[in-house]
Amino acid sequence: MIKKALLILLSGLLLTGCNNNIKEQEKEITKYESLTIKTQITNEESKDDSYMVYLMPVGLLNREAGYANQSGYYGPFETDSNGEVIIDMEYNYDLAYYLDSDDNKKENHLELLITTKEDKYIRNPLNGYTEVEFIKNDTDEEYPSISYYSSIEELVIPFTDKYPDGVLSLTFQDADFVIKFEFEEGYKPTNSYETFIFWNDPSMPDGIGIVNVGRINREFQYWDTPFYKKDNLASKTGTIIVRDFNTNQRINYVEYPKTVSFDKDGNCIEGDILRITIPKPE
């Protein structure tokens, strides 16, 4: 009798274990045909109207300060007015290329990155390390409409919109002073510029001397021009001059003429970052 009872109990435990395994398997193969990414900014005072979301093979991102990650990513997807992105697996079948890439160090996973719209080369991801798991569509179809499913229906990602501490320019992270270009609405420049500070000289008719310090300013550099204390800035005042790099024509930016002054230690009195606006060509 005791032996029989033990057998019944053992059978019950085995059945329970089987049922649990079946439930676990069912849970593991839950597949979603879309993924909703919900972003949550932690510093509302810095909030932009939208942000960009990228997916990249795990381990591919170069995290060297200021490095331009120009390829190997999927996207970007721009967040909507609610800070959300919806990725439809059916219409994003190219995801398979990145998931199956030899660069991907973790099978069926991609790293998810959030950046500002300015940061198109992913120099400064704003979110903490985030992976998304996908589920391969094990079908005999030669060209399935969905190559991979999402393993989750939605993902909430908090992030902080800020540069790394002490950094004035994502491209030139060692800069001591930066002139940043902004452009009149609707103007998307395709050329490059040269940005100079011509040191003021009272003996000249317009007060602007011929001695200067300057550098090329490009889209690839997010239109930042860096200056350094080694440029001998200390105790000087100068006028910002902008020229078209190809034609050498002077550009009368909106705030022209803008002057900047530096203290005895080479720090800009007007602030570490100065913005000027480039108008549409007439």
Protein backbone atom coordinates (compact mmCIF):
# COMPACT_ATOMS: atom_id res chain seq x y z
CA MET A 1 0.00 0.00 0.00
CA ILE A 2 2.81 2.38 0.93
CA LYS A 3 4.66 1.46 -2.24
CA LYS A 4 1.59 2.18 -4.34
CA ALA A 5 1.09 5.57 -2.68
CA LEU A 6 4.71 6.49 -3.35
CA LEU A 7 4.30 5.58 -7.01
CA ILE A 8 1.18 7.75 -7.32
CA LEU A 9 2.96 10.65 -5.61
CA LEU A 10 5.99 10.29 -7.89
CA SER A 11 3.77 10.18 -10.96
CA GLY A 12 2.03 13.34 -9.82
CA LEU A 13 5.33 15.12 -9.33
CA LEU A 14 6.52 14.06 -12.77
CA LEU A 15 3.29 15.27 -14.37
CA THR A 16 3.56 18.57 -12.51
CA GLY A 17 7.16 18.93 -13.67
CA CYS A 18 6.16 18.20 -17.26
CA ASN A 19 3.36 20.75 -17.12
CA ASN A 20 5.76 23.36 -15.73
CA ASN A 21 8.27 22.61 -18.49
CA ILE A 22 5.54 22.95 -21.13
CA LYS A 23 4.50 26.31 -19.65
CA GLU A 24 8.11 27.50 -19.59
CA GLN A 25 8.57 26.46 -23.22
CA GLU A 26 5.40 28.27 -24.20
CA LYS A 27 6.66 31.35 -22.40
CA GLU A 28 10.05 31.20 -24.10
CA ILE A 29 8.59 31.09 -27.62
CA THR A 30 6.25 34.07 -27.22
CA LYS A 31 6.82 36.18 -30.32
CA TYR A 32 5.77 39.71 -31.15
CA GLU A 33 5.35 41.18 -34.63
CA SER A 34 6.20 44.70 -33.43
CA LEU A 35 8.36 46.30 -30.76
CA THR A 36 7.36 49.57 -29.06
CA ILE A 37 10.29 51.51 -27.64
CA LYS A 38 9.28 54.10 -25.03
CA THR A 39 11.93 56.64 -24.12
CA GLN A 40 11.90 58.52 -20.82
CA ILE A 41 14.17 61.55 -20.44
CA THR A 42 15.40 62.13 -16.90
CA ASN A 43 16.29 65.83 -17.34
CA GLU A 44 13.23 67.47 -18.85
CA GLU A 45 14.91 70.87 -19.01
CA SER A 46 17.15 69.55 -21.80
CA LYS A 47 14.40 67.80 -23.74
CA ASP A 48 14.45 68.05 -27.55
CA ASP A 49 11.38 67.59 -29.72
CA SER A 50 12.61 64.14 -30.78
CA TYR A 51 15.51 61.69 -30.52
CA MET A 52 17.01 59.00 -32.72
CA VAL A 53 16.99 55.26 -31.99
CA TYR A 54 19.56 52.91 -33.54
CA LEU A 55 20.03 49.12 -33.46
CA MET A 56 23.54 47.75 -33.82
CA PRO A 57 25.27 44.35 -33.66
CA VAL A 58 26.41 43.67 -30.11
CA GLY A 59 30.05 44.62 -29.62
CA LEU A 60 30.36 46.71 -32.79
CA LEU A 61 30.02 50.18 -31.25
CA ASN A 62 33.35 51.93 -30.77
CA ARG A 63 33.10 53.73 -27.43
CA GLU A 64 36.28 55.76 -27.81
CA ALA A 65 35.56 59.37 -26.87
CA GLY A 66 34.46 61.34 -29.93
CA TYR A 67 34.71 58.37 -32.31
CA ALA A 68 32.38 58.55 -35.33
CA ASN A 69 30.41 55.32 -35.74
CA GLN A 70 29.50 55.73 -39.38
CA SER A 71 28.28 52.28 -40.37
CA GLY A 72 27.01 48.94 -39.16
CA TYR A 73 23.82 50.23 -37.54
CA TYR A 74 20.15 49.83 -38.41
CA GLY A 75 18.07 52.99 -38.40
CA PRO A 76 17.79 55.59 -37.20
CA PHE A 77 14.17 55.67 -36.08
CA GLU A 78 12.93 59.07 -34.90
CA THR A 79 10.80 59.20 -31.77
CA ASP A 80 7.30 60.64 -32.09
CA SER A 81 5.69 63.36 -29.97
CA ASN A 82 5.24 60.81 -27.16
CA GLY A 83 8.90 59.83 -27.22
CA GLU A 84 8.09 56.45 -28.79
CA VAL A 85 9.23 54.36 -31.72
CA ILE A 86 7.31 51.40 -33.12
CA ILE A 87 9.33 48.88 -35.11
CA ASP A 88 7.15 46.60 -37.22
CA MET A 89 8.95 43.32 -37.78
CA GLU A 90 7.18 42.71 -41.09
CA TYR A 91 8.38 45.95 -42.65
CA ASN A 92 11.84 45.84 -41.13
CA TYR A 93 13.08 42.58 -42.59
CA ASP A 94 16.56 44.11 -43.05
CA LEU A 95 17.03 43.53 -39.32
CA ALA A 96 18.07 40.01 -40.24
CA TYR A 97 21.19 41.37 -41.96
CA TYR A 98 22.42 42.91 -38.70
CA LEU A 99 21.35 40.02 -36.50
CA ASP A 100 23.15 37.54 -38.78
CA SER A 101 26.20 39.76 -39.24
CA ASP A 102 29.62 38.35 -38.42
CA ASP A 103 30.14 41.51 -36.36
CA ASN A 104 27.37 40.50 -33.97
CA LYS A 105 28.91 39.05 -30.81
CA LYS A 106 25.66 37.80 -29.28
CA GLU A 107 23.29 35.58 -31.23
CA ASN A 108 19.76 36.94 -31.73
CA HIS A 109 20.56 40.19 -29.89
CA LEU A 110 21.16 43.79 -30.96
CA GLU A 111 22.32 46.76 -28.93
CA LEU A 112 19.86 49.67 -28.75
CA LEU A 113 21.18 53.24 -28.73
CA ILE A 114 19.50 56.62 -28.26
CA THR A 115 21.09 59.86 -29.48
CA THR A 116 20.14 63.45 -30.18
CA LYS A 117 19.29 64.32 -33.79
CA GLU A 118 22.60 66.18 -33.99
CA ASP A 119 24.60 63.08 -33.05
CA LYS A 120 24.18 61.20 -36.33
CA TYR A 121 27.52 59.42 -35.94
CA ILE A 122 26.63 58.02 -32.51
CA ARG A 123 29.52 59.70 -30.72
CA ASN A 124 27.56 59.98 -27.47
CA PRO A 125 24.81 57.40 -26.79
CA LEU A 126 22.51 58.83 -24.12
CA ASN A 127 21.11 55.60 -22.65
CA GLY A 128 22.77 52.95 -20.55
CA TYR A 129 23.80 49.67 -22.17
CA THR A 130 20.64 48.09 -23.60
CA GLU A 131 20.18 44.84 -25.52
CA VAL A 132 17.09 43.64 -27.35
CA GLU A 133 16.50 39.94 -28.01
CA PHE A 134 14.87 38.74 -31.22
CA ILE A 135 13.47 35.33 -32.19
CA LYS A 136 14.30 33.83 -35.56
CA ASN A 137 11.35 32.76 -37.67
CA ASP A 138 11.95 29.03 -38.14
CA THR A 139 9.97 28.62 -41.31
CA ASP A 140 10.50 26.72 -44.52
CA GLU A 141 9.47 29.76 -46.56
CA GLU A 142 12.28 31.01 -48.77
CA TYR A 143 11.40 34.68 -48.26
CA PRO A 144 9.25 35.04 -45.14
CA SER A 145 7.57 38.38 -44.51
CA ILE A 146 9.02 38.31 -40.98
CA SER A 147 12.59 37.07 -40.58
CA TYR A 148 12.81 37.80 -36.87
CA TYR A 149 10.21 38.46 -34.20
CA SER A 150 10.73 40.60 -31.12
CA SER A 151 10.94 38.71 -27.85
CA ILE A 152 9.19 41.57 -26.03
CA GLU A 153 6.21 43.75 -26.87
CA GLU A 154 7.54 47.00 -25.43
CA LEU A 155 10.67 48.36 -23.83
CA VAL A 156 10.97 51.44 -21.60
CA ILE A 157 14.36 53.15 -21.72
CA PRO A 158 15.31 56.06 -19.43
CA PHE A 159 18.12 58.33 -20.62
CA THR A 160 19.77 61.65 -19.81
CA ASP A 161 20.36 64.24 -22.52
CA LYS A 162 23.81 65.63 -21.72
CA TYR A 163 27.37 65.68 -22.99
CA PRO A 164 29.99 63.79 -20.99
CA ASP A 165 31.14 65.81 -17.99
CA GLY A 166 33.51 68.63 -18.94
CA VAL A 167 33.02 68.16 -22.68
CA LEU A 168 32.11 71.14 -24.89
CA SER A 169 32.11 69.37 -28.27
CA LEU A 170 31.32 65.73 -29.07
CA THR A 171 33.83 65.79 -31.92
CA PHE A 172 36.59 67.71 -30.14
CA GLN A 173 36.30 66.52 -26.58
CA ASP A 174 39.50 68.26 -25.47
CA ALA A 175 38.43 71.73 -26.70
CA ASP A 176 38.66 74.68 -24.28
CA PHE A 177 36.35 76.96 -26.27
CA VAL A 178 33.94 76.10 -29.09
CA ILE A 179 32.11 78.10 -31.75
CA LYS A 180 29.01 76.22 -32.88
CA PHE A 181 27.12 76.94 -36.08
CA GLU A 182 23.37 77.01 -36.30
CA PHE A 183 21.53 77.53 -39.59
CA GLU A 184 18.46 79.46 -40.54
CA GLU A 185 15.37 77.30 -40.76
CA GLY A 186 15.18 75.37 -44.01
CA TYR A 187 18.86 75.80 -44.88
CA LYS A 188 20.94 72.62 -45.12
CA PRO A 189 24.49 73.53 -46.15
CA THR A 190 26.52 71.15 -48.28
CA ASN A 191 29.80 73.05 -48.19
CA SER A 192 32.38 73.59 -45.47
CA TYR A 193 33.51 76.79 -43.79
CA GLU A 194 36.54 78.25 -42.10
CA THR A 195 36.00 79.88 -38.74
CA PHE A 196 38.55 82.41 -37.51
CA ILE A 197 39.11 84.70 -34.58
CA PHE A 198 40.96 87.77 -35.92
CA TRP A 199 42.60 89.56 -33.02
CA ASN A 200 41.52 93.19 -32.71
CA ASP A 201 44.04 95.87 -33.65
CA PRO A 202 43.17 99.52 -32.91
CA SER A 203 45.61 100.68 -35.59
CA MET A 204 43.49 99.11 -38.35
CA PRO A 205 40.60 101.09 -39.94
CA ASP A 206 37.92 98.64 -38.79
CA GLY A 207 39.76 97.63 -35.63
CA ILE A 208 40.25 94.08 -36.89
CA GLY A 209 43.85 92.94 -37.22
CA ILE A 210 45.44 90.45 -39.61
CA VAL A 211 46.70 87.96 -37.00
CA ASN A 212 44.23 85.15 -36.39
CA VAL A 213 43.59 81.62 -35.27
CA GLY A 214 41.09 79.42 -37.08
CA ARG A 215 40.06 76.00 -38.37
CA ILE A 216 37.87 74.28 -40.94
CA ASN A 217 34.27 73.72 -39.89
CA ARG A 218 32.40 70.72 -41.40
CA GLU A 219 29.12 68.86 -41.13
CA PHE A 220 31.05 65.74 -40.16
CA GLN A 221 32.24 67.67 -37.10
CA TYR A 222 28.69 68.78 -36.25
CA TRP A 223 29.65 72.30 -37.33
CA ASP A 224 31.87 72.77 -34.27
CA THR A 225 35.08 74.79 -34.39
CA PRO A 226 37.39 74.06 -31.44
CA PHE A 227 39.88 76.41 -29.86
CA TYR A 228 42.50 75.58 -27.26
CA LYS A 229 44.47 77.49 -24.67
CA LYS A 230 47.59 76.48 -26.58
CA ASP A 231 46.27 78.75 -29.38
CA ASN A 232 47.59 81.63 -27.26
CA LEU A 233 44.16 83.01 -26.39
CA ALA A 234 45.06 84.57 -23.05
CA SER A 235 44.22 88.26 -22.54
CA LYS A 236 43.08 88.77 -26.14
CA THR A 237 39.95 90.10 -27.81
CA GLY A 238 39.02 89.20 -31.35
CA THR A 239 36.28 89.25 -33.97
CA ILE A 240 34.79 86.07 -35.40
CA ILE A 241 35.15 85.85 -39.19
CA VAL A 242 33.58 83.04 -41.24
CA ARG A 243 34.53 82.20 -44.83
CA ASP A 244 33.25 79.71 -47.36
CA PHE A 245 35.96 77.05 -47.56
CA ASN A 246 35.67 76.61 -51.35
CA THR A 247 35.34 80.24 -52.46
CA ASN A 248 36.99 82.08 -49.55
CA GLN A 249 33.98 84.42 -49.59
CA ARG A 250 33.21 86.04 -46.25
CA ILE A 251 29.90 84.93 -44.71
CA ASN A 252 27.93 87.64 -42.96
CA TYR A 253 26.46 85.51 -40.21
CA VAL A 254 23.37 86.86 -38.45
CA GLU A 255 25.19 88.20 -35.38
CA TYR A 256 28.11 89.76 -37.30
CA PRO A 257 30.36 91.22 -36.04
CA LYS A 258 30.66 89.07 -32.92
CA THR A 259 33.65 89.61 -30.64
CA VAL A 260 35.07 87.34 -27.97
CA SER A 261 37.45 88.09 -25.14
CA PHE A 262 39.67 85.82 -23.09
CA ASP A 263 41.01 86.31 -19.58
CA LYS A 264 44.62 85.93 -18.51
CA ASP A 265 44.16 82.16 -18.20
CA GLY A 266 42.75 81.75 -21.71
CA ASN A 267 39.13 81.27 -20.62
CA CYS A 268 36.45 82.91 -22.76
CA ILE A 269 34.69 85.65 -20.80
CA GLU A 270 31.46 85.22 -22.80
CA GLY A 271 31.29 81.49 -21.99
CA ASP A 272 32.86 78.25 -23.14
CA ILE A 273 30.42 77.81 -26.05
CA LEU A 274 29.40 80.54 -28.49
CA ARG A 275 26.72 80.00 -31.14
CA ILE A 276 26.38 81.91 -34.38
CA THR A 277 23.70 81.60 -37.07
CA ILE A 278 24.50 81.10 -40.75
CA PRO A 279 21.81 82.61 -43.02
CA LYS A 280 20.36 81.12 -46.19
CA PRO A 281 22.30 82.20 -49.27
CA GLU A 282 20.43 84.87 -51.20
